[in-house]
Amino acid sequence: MSVLVNNLTKLYGEQRAIDHISFEAKPGEVLGFLGPNGAGKTTTMKIVTCFIPQSSGTATVCGYDVQEDPMQVRRQIGYLPEHNPLYKDLYVREYLLFVAGLHGMRRPRSRVEEMIQLTGLEREQNKRIGALSKGYRQRVGLAQAMLHDPQVLILDEPTSGLDPNQLLEIRNLIRQLGQQKTVIFSTHIMQEVQALCDRVVIINKGHIVANDSIEALQSRVQGESIVTIEFTQSIDKQLLSTIPKVKRVKELGKNRWQLIAAADVDVRPAIHQFVLSRQLTLLEMHKEVVSVEDVFQKLTQ
């Protein structure tokens, strides 16, 4: 396991910021770490990145314990915090060379050049960081997080402030990195979760309330499998009820129907066979899916 959190607790006086949470993040996946404001996301990230100590429980990164071997943990992690801390008086290239020096890199200039190309900073590399737009500052933050080629990337709101073109580029970059490394990705933008994450962990009031794939959580929240269909012909409701595993049939309008089955059942193959056997003309068929926003709200309210 790249990141393993076990019964992690953090107390601030009487307040439990996180309360006995456990999860793991594996190599080759992008893990979405989600929750409302104040849920405990940033506290968890600060513990895993050795910024603050836990009150109890354990956290390990690539086999190194965050309390017993924090220097080795830091070598394995690239971290982009929500409030991107940059030296605004430095030029982009100058800043990245400075960070490379902190990591003691042997060939800093070639690695800095590689990161500038990878994050699309070529046109801005000779500007002061303070003169950059928020989107380009995020790119600089991503470049510094990846500079030392870490095994684990922890990204807190990495797409904040990006325009649609930059968003697509950074999304593709994160997806590419997720094939080789462990990426823990925190965001409030649910479209990003849908586009990027292989699995999500949702934390609420210091407790883990979900840890599964997006598709599994959607089925869990929806509770039923619903397929909407439309024909050119008029169809008898009782006839539609004979389709295998259909529990209920609901009429939506002229020749439009909803077929409802159990959450773990996909009735579309059976509908296809039904249409072929009766030589019907199907204008539409799609499976209704609850949005990621609906899943998030259901699990955190």
Protein backbone atom coordinates (compact mmCIF):
# COMPACT_ATOMS: atom_id res chain seq x y z
CA MET A 1 0.00 0.00 0.00
CA SER A 2 1.27 3.49 -0.75
CA VAL A 3 -0.84 5.22 1.93
CA LEU A 4 -2.41 3.32 4.82
CA VAL A 5 -4.42 5.12 7.51
CA ASN A 6 -5.57 3.06 10.50
CA ASN A 7 -7.81 4.31 13.34
CA LEU A 8 -6.47 7.83 12.96
CA THR A 9 -7.75 10.38 15.51
CA LYS A 10 -6.93 14.05 16.02
CA LEU A 11 -8.14 16.03 19.03
CA TYR A 12 -8.14 19.81 19.38
CA GLY A 13 -8.98 20.12 23.05
CA GLU A 14 -12.38 18.47 23.42
CA GLN A 15 -13.12 18.57 19.67
CA ARG A 16 -12.47 15.48 17.56
CA ALA A 17 -11.43 16.75 14.13
CA ILE A 18 -11.14 13.15 12.92
CA ASP A 19 -12.35 10.13 14.85
CA HIS A 20 -10.83 6.66 14.26
CA ILE A 21 -10.77 6.87 10.46
CA SER A 22 -9.21 4.15 8.30
CA PHE A 23 -8.62 3.96 4.54
CA GLU A 24 -5.95 3.05 2.03
CA ALA A 25 -4.73 4.50 -1.25
CA LYS A 26 -3.08 2.13 -3.70
CA PRO A 27 -0.54 2.65 -6.49
CA GLY A 28 -2.10 3.27 -9.91
CA GLU A 29 -5.32 4.88 -8.69
CA VAL A 30 -6.71 8.36 -8.16
CA LEU A 31 -8.48 8.43 -4.81
CA GLY A 32 -11.00 11.22 -4.31
CA PHE A 33 -10.97 12.44 -0.69
CA LEU A 34 -14.20 14.38 -0.24
CA GLY A 35 -16.22 16.06 2.46
CA PRO A 36 -17.92 19.31 3.40
CA ASN A 37 -15.99 22.17 4.96
CA GLY A 38 -14.81 21.26 8.45
CA ALA A 39 -15.23 17.53 7.88
CA GLY A 40 -11.57 16.69 8.60
CA LYS A 41 -10.06 16.46 5.10
CA THR A 42 -7.28 19.01 5.59
CA THR A 43 -6.47 17.69 9.07
CA THR A 44 -6.02 14.19 7.62
CA MET A 45 -3.80 15.49 4.82
CA LYS A 46 -1.65 17.47 7.27
CA ILE A 47 -1.10 14.35 9.37
CA VAL A 48 -0.22 12.17 6.37
CA THR A 49 2.23 14.82 5.11
CA CYS A 50 3.84 15.19 8.59
CA PHE A 51 2.73 18.80 9.16
CA ILE A 52 0.91 17.96 12.40
CA PRO A 53 0.95 14.88 14.68
CA GLN A 54 -2.07 12.65 15.26
CA SER A 55 -3.54 12.06 18.72
CA SER A 56 -3.82 8.31 18.15
CA GLY A 57 -3.80 5.73 15.38
CA THR A 58 -1.25 5.26 12.62
CA ALA A 59 -0.51 6.51 9.13
CA THR A 60 2.15 5.09 6.83
CA VAL A 61 3.37 6.20 3.41
CA CYS A 62 5.21 3.61 1.28
CA GLY A 63 5.82 1.64 4.47
CA TYR A 64 7.24 4.58 6.48
CA ASP A 65 5.43 5.69 9.63
CA VAL A 66 4.61 9.43 9.70
CA GLN A 67 5.72 9.74 13.35
CA GLU A 68 8.68 7.39 13.42
CA ASP A 69 10.26 8.32 10.05
CA PRO A 70 8.87 11.69 8.89
CA MET A 71 11.86 12.56 6.66
CA GLN A 72 11.43 9.39 4.62
CA VAL A 73 7.68 10.06 4.37
CA ARG A 74 8.34 13.55 3.01
CA ARG A 75 10.65 12.13 0.37
CA GLN A 76 7.82 9.91 -0.90
CA ILE A 77 5.18 12.68 -1.06
CA GLY A 78 4.48 15.57 -3.40
CA TYR A 79 2.00 17.94 -1.75
CA LEU A 80 -0.06 20.77 -3.20
CA PRO A 81 -2.02 22.36 -0.33
CA GLU A 82 -5.26 24.26 -0.81
CA HIS A 83 -3.58 27.62 -0.18
CA ASN A 84 -0.62 27.28 -2.51
CA PRO A 85 2.42 28.72 -0.63
CA LEU A 86 4.78 30.25 -3.19
CA TYR A 87 7.63 32.77 -3.03
CA LYS A 88 6.01 35.47 -5.12
CA ASP A 89 9.17 37.53 -5.60
CA LEU A 90 10.97 34.65 -7.32
CA TYR A 91 10.76 33.89 -11.03
CA VAL A 92 9.11 30.59 -12.00
CA ARG A 93 12.29 28.85 -13.12
CA GLU A 94 14.25 30.32 -10.22
CA TYR A 95 11.68 29.03 -7.73
CA LEU A 96 11.67 25.51 -9.17
CA LEU A 97 15.48 25.39 -9.11
CA PHE A 98 15.34 26.50 -5.47
CA VAL A 99 12.92 23.66 -4.64
CA ALA A 100 15.13 21.21 -6.55
CA GLY A 101 18.04 22.32 -4.38
CA LEU A 102 16.03 21.64 -1.22
CA HIS A 103 15.47 18.10 -2.48
CA GLY A 104 19.18 17.70 -3.24
CA MET A 105 18.54 16.69 -6.83
CA ARG A 106 21.53 15.69 -8.96
CA ARG A 107 20.34 17.10 -12.30
CA PRO A 108 18.04 19.92 -11.25
CA ARG A 109 18.03 21.93 -14.50
CA SER A 110 16.89 19.08 -16.74
CA ARG A 111 14.19 18.06 -14.25
CA VAL A 112 12.96 21.66 -13.91
CA GLU A 113 12.78 21.91 -17.70
CA GLU A 114 10.79 18.68 -17.82
CA MET A 115 8.30 19.96 -15.22
CA ILE A 116 7.91 23.29 -17.03
CA GLN A 117 7.02 21.42 -20.23
CA LEU A 118 4.72 18.97 -18.44
CA THR A 119 2.69 21.66 -16.65
CA GLY A 120 2.54 24.08 -19.60
CA LEU A 121 4.63 26.84 -18.02
CA GLU A 122 6.89 27.53 -21.00
CA ARG A 123 5.49 30.98 -21.77
CA GLU A 124 5.47 32.02 -18.10
CA GLN A 125 8.78 30.56 -16.92
CA ASN A 126 10.61 33.90 -16.88
CA LYS A 127 7.91 35.82 -15.02
CA ARG A 128 7.79 36.56 -11.32
CA ILE A 129 5.34 34.24 -9.56
CA GLY A 130 3.54 37.27 -8.12
CA ALA A 131 2.70 38.41 -11.67
CA LEU A 132 1.03 35.12 -12.64
CA SER A 133 -2.70 34.45 -12.77
CA LYS A 134 -4.16 32.11 -10.16
CA GLY A 135 -4.34 29.31 -12.72
CA TYR A 136 -0.64 29.55 -13.55
CA ARG A 137 0.26 29.72 -9.86
CA GLN A 138 -1.57 26.40 -9.49
CA ARG A 139 0.59 25.02 -12.29
CA VAL A 140 3.72 26.17 -10.47
CA GLY A 141 2.42 24.44 -7.34
CA LEU A 142 1.84 21.23 -9.28
CA ALA A 143 5.32 21.45 -10.81
CA GLN A 144 6.97 21.77 -7.38
CA ALA A 145 4.87 18.88 -6.01
CA MET A 146 6.05 16.57 -8.82
CA LEU A 147 9.61 17.87 -9.10
CA HIS A 148 11.29 15.15 -7.01
CA ASP A 149 9.29 12.36 -8.72
CA PRO A 150 7.40 11.24 -5.57
CA GLN A 151 5.51 7.97 -5.30
CA VAL A 152 2.48 9.69 -3.72
CA LEU A 153 0.81 12.94 -4.81
CA ILE A 154 -1.56 14.68 -2.41
CA LEU A 155 -3.48 17.43 -4.18
CA ASP A 156 -5.85 19.70 -2.25
CA GLU A 157 -8.12 21.64 -4.65
CA PRO A 158 -5.55 21.47 -7.51
CA THR A 159 -7.90 22.78 -10.22
CA SER A 160 -9.04 25.87 -8.32
CA GLY A 161 -8.85 29.01 -10.48
CA LEU A 162 -8.16 27.26 -13.79
CA ASP A 163 -9.94 28.30 -16.98
CA PRO A 164 -11.69 25.54 -19.04
CA ASN A 165 -8.65 24.92 -21.29
CA GLN A 166 -6.24 24.77 -18.35
CA LEU A 167 -8.70 22.56 -16.49
CA LEU A 168 -8.69 19.99 -19.28
CA GLU A 169 -4.89 19.98 -19.48
CA ILE A 170 -4.39 19.57 -15.72
CA ARG A 171 -7.13 16.93 -15.57
CA ASN A 172 -5.33 14.93 -18.27
CA LEU A 173 -2.05 15.37 -16.41
CA ILE A 174 -3.52 14.10 -13.12
CA ARG A 175 -5.12 11.15 -14.92
CA GLN A 176 -1.76 10.34 -16.53
CA LEU A 177 0.07 10.56 -13.20
CA GLY A 178 -2.57 8.35 -11.59
CA GLN A 179 -1.58 5.46 -13.86
CA GLN A 180 1.91 5.36 -12.34
CA LYS A 181 1.60 6.85 -8.86
CA THR A 182 -0.79 7.06 -5.93
CA VAL A 183 -2.85 10.25 -6.17
CA ILE A 184 -5.07 11.52 -3.34
CA PHE A 185 -7.25 14.23 -4.76
CA SER A 186 -9.44 16.56 -2.72
CA THR A 187 -11.95 18.90 -4.35
CA HIS A 188 -15.40 20.46 -3.99
CA ILE A 189 -16.00 20.27 -7.75
CA MET A 190 -18.05 17.12 -8.27
CA GLN A 191 -17.47 17.08 -12.06
CA GLU A 192 -13.76 16.66 -11.33
CA VAL A 193 -14.52 13.69 -9.11
CA GLN A 194 -16.56 12.04 -11.86
CA ALA A 195 -13.87 12.71 -14.46
CA LEU A 196 -10.78 11.71 -12.47
CA CYS A 197 -11.40 9.42 -9.51
CA ASP A 198 -11.24 5.62 -9.53
CA ARG A 199 -12.55 5.50 -5.97
CA VAL A 200 -13.81 8.00 -3.40
CA VAL A 201 -13.56 8.29 0.37
CA ILE A 202 -16.16 10.65 1.85
CA ILE A 203 -15.57 12.05 5.34
CA ASN A 204 -18.22 13.86 7.36
CA LYS A 205 -17.88 15.29 10.88
CA GLY A 206 -14.63 13.39 11.35
CA HIS A 207 -16.02 9.98 10.31
CA ILE A 208 -15.68 8.00 7.06
CA VAL A 209 -19.21 7.65 5.62
CA ALA A 210 -18.29 6.09 2.25
CA ASN A 211 -15.35 4.27 0.67
CA ASP A 212 -16.16 2.82 -2.75
CA SER A 213 -16.27 3.44 -6.49
CA ILE A 214 -18.53 6.23 -7.75
CA GLU A 215 -20.75 3.72 -9.56
CA ALA A 216 -21.25 1.64 -6.41
CA LEU A 217 -22.11 4.73 -4.36
CA GLN A 218 -24.59 5.89 -7.00
CA SER A 219 -26.34 2.50 -6.85
CA ARG A 220 -26.31 2.61 -3.05
CA VAL A 221 -27.93 6.06 -2.94
CA GLN A 222 -30.40 5.42 -5.74
CA GLY A 223 -31.53 2.10 -4.30
CA GLU A 224 -33.04 0.93 -7.62
CA SER A 225 -32.01 0.52 -11.26
CA ILE A 226 -34.19 2.70 -13.51
CA VAL A 227 -34.19 2.53 -17.32
CA THR A 228 -36.16 5.01 -19.44
CA ILE A 229 -37.37 3.79 -22.86
CA GLU A 230 -39.42 5.22 -25.72
CA PHE A 231 -41.03 3.39 -28.66
CA THR A 232 -42.63 4.53 -31.89
CA GLN A 233 -45.44 2.03 -31.24
CA SER A 234 -47.99 1.89 -28.47
CA ILE A 235 -47.04 -0.85 -25.97
CA ASP A 236 -49.19 -2.51 -23.33
CA LYS A 237 -47.97 -1.95 -19.77
CA GLN A 238 -48.60 -5.57 -18.79
CA LEU A 239 -46.43 -6.73 -21.69
CA LEU A 240 -43.51 -4.58 -20.46
CA SER A 241 -43.93 -6.13 -17.01
CA THR A 242 -43.02 -9.54 -18.48
CA ILE A 243 -39.43 -8.43 -19.19
CA PRO A 244 -37.21 -10.50 -16.86
CA LYS A 245 -36.25 -8.88 -13.50
CA VAL A 246 -38.45 -5.80 -14.04
CA LYS A 247 -40.18 -5.06 -10.71
CA ARG A 248 -42.33 -2.10 -11.73
CA VAL A 249 -43.35 -0.20 -14.86
CA LYS A 250 -44.15 3.50 -14.81
CA GLU A 251 -45.73 5.39 -17.70
CA LEU A 252 -44.10 8.76 -18.44
CA GLY A 253 -46.15 9.87 -21.44
CA LYS A 254 -46.95 8.79 -24.97
CA ASN A 255 -44.94 5.61 -25.61
CA ARG A 256 -42.40 6.57 -22.88
CA TRP A 257 -41.85 4.28 -19.91
CA GLN A 258 -39.61 3.68 -16.92
CA LEU A 259 -38.68 0.11 -16.05
CA ILE A 260 -37.55 -0.34 -12.44
CA ALA A 261 -35.42 -3.23 -11.17
CA ALA A 262 -33.16 -3.98 -8.20
CA ALA A 263 -30.13 -1.71 -7.76
CA ASP A 264 -27.64 -4.39 -8.85
CA VAL A 265 -29.60 -5.39 -11.98
CA ASP A 266 -29.13 -3.97 -15.48
CA VAL A 267 -32.27 -4.77 -17.48
CA ARG A 268 -31.04 -3.21 -20.74
CA PRO A 269 -29.95 -6.54 -22.32
CA ALA A 270 -33.38 -8.01 -21.56
CA ILE A 271 -35.07 -4.92 -23.05
CA HIS A 272 -32.96 -5.34 -26.18
CA GLN A 273 -34.10 -8.96 -26.56
CA PHE A 274 -37.71 -7.90 -25.92
CA VAL A 275 -37.53 -5.29 -28.70
CA LEU A 276 -35.94 -7.71 -31.21
CA SER A 277 -38.37 -10.54 -30.50
CA ARG A 278 -41.38 -8.30 -31.13
CA GLN A 279 -39.83 -6.29 -33.99
CA LEU A 280 -40.42 -2.99 -32.19
CA THR A 281 -38.74 0.35 -32.96
CA LEU A 282 -36.89 1.76 -29.98
CA LEU A 283 -36.27 5.53 -30.11
CA GLU A 284 -34.54 5.87 -26.75
CA MET A 285 -33.07 3.80 -23.96
CA HIS A 286 -30.92 5.11 -21.14
CA LYS A 287 -30.20 4.16 -17.57
CA GLU A 288 -30.99 6.85 -15.03
CA VAL A 289 -28.04 7.65 -12.76
CA VAL A 290 -28.02 9.91 -9.71
CA SER A 291 -25.44 12.69 -9.94
CA VAL A 292 -22.26 12.76 -7.87
CA GLU A 293 -23.68 15.89 -6.19
CA ASP A 294 -26.73 13.88 -5.10
CA VAL A 295 -24.49 11.13 -3.71
CA PHE A 296 -22.37 13.65 -1.80
CA GLN A 297 -25.40 15.45 -0.33
CA LYS A 298 -27.15 12.21 0.63
CA LEU A 299 -24.11 10.91 2.50
CA THR A 300 -23.12 14.14 4.25
CA GLN A 301 -26.47 15.62 5.33
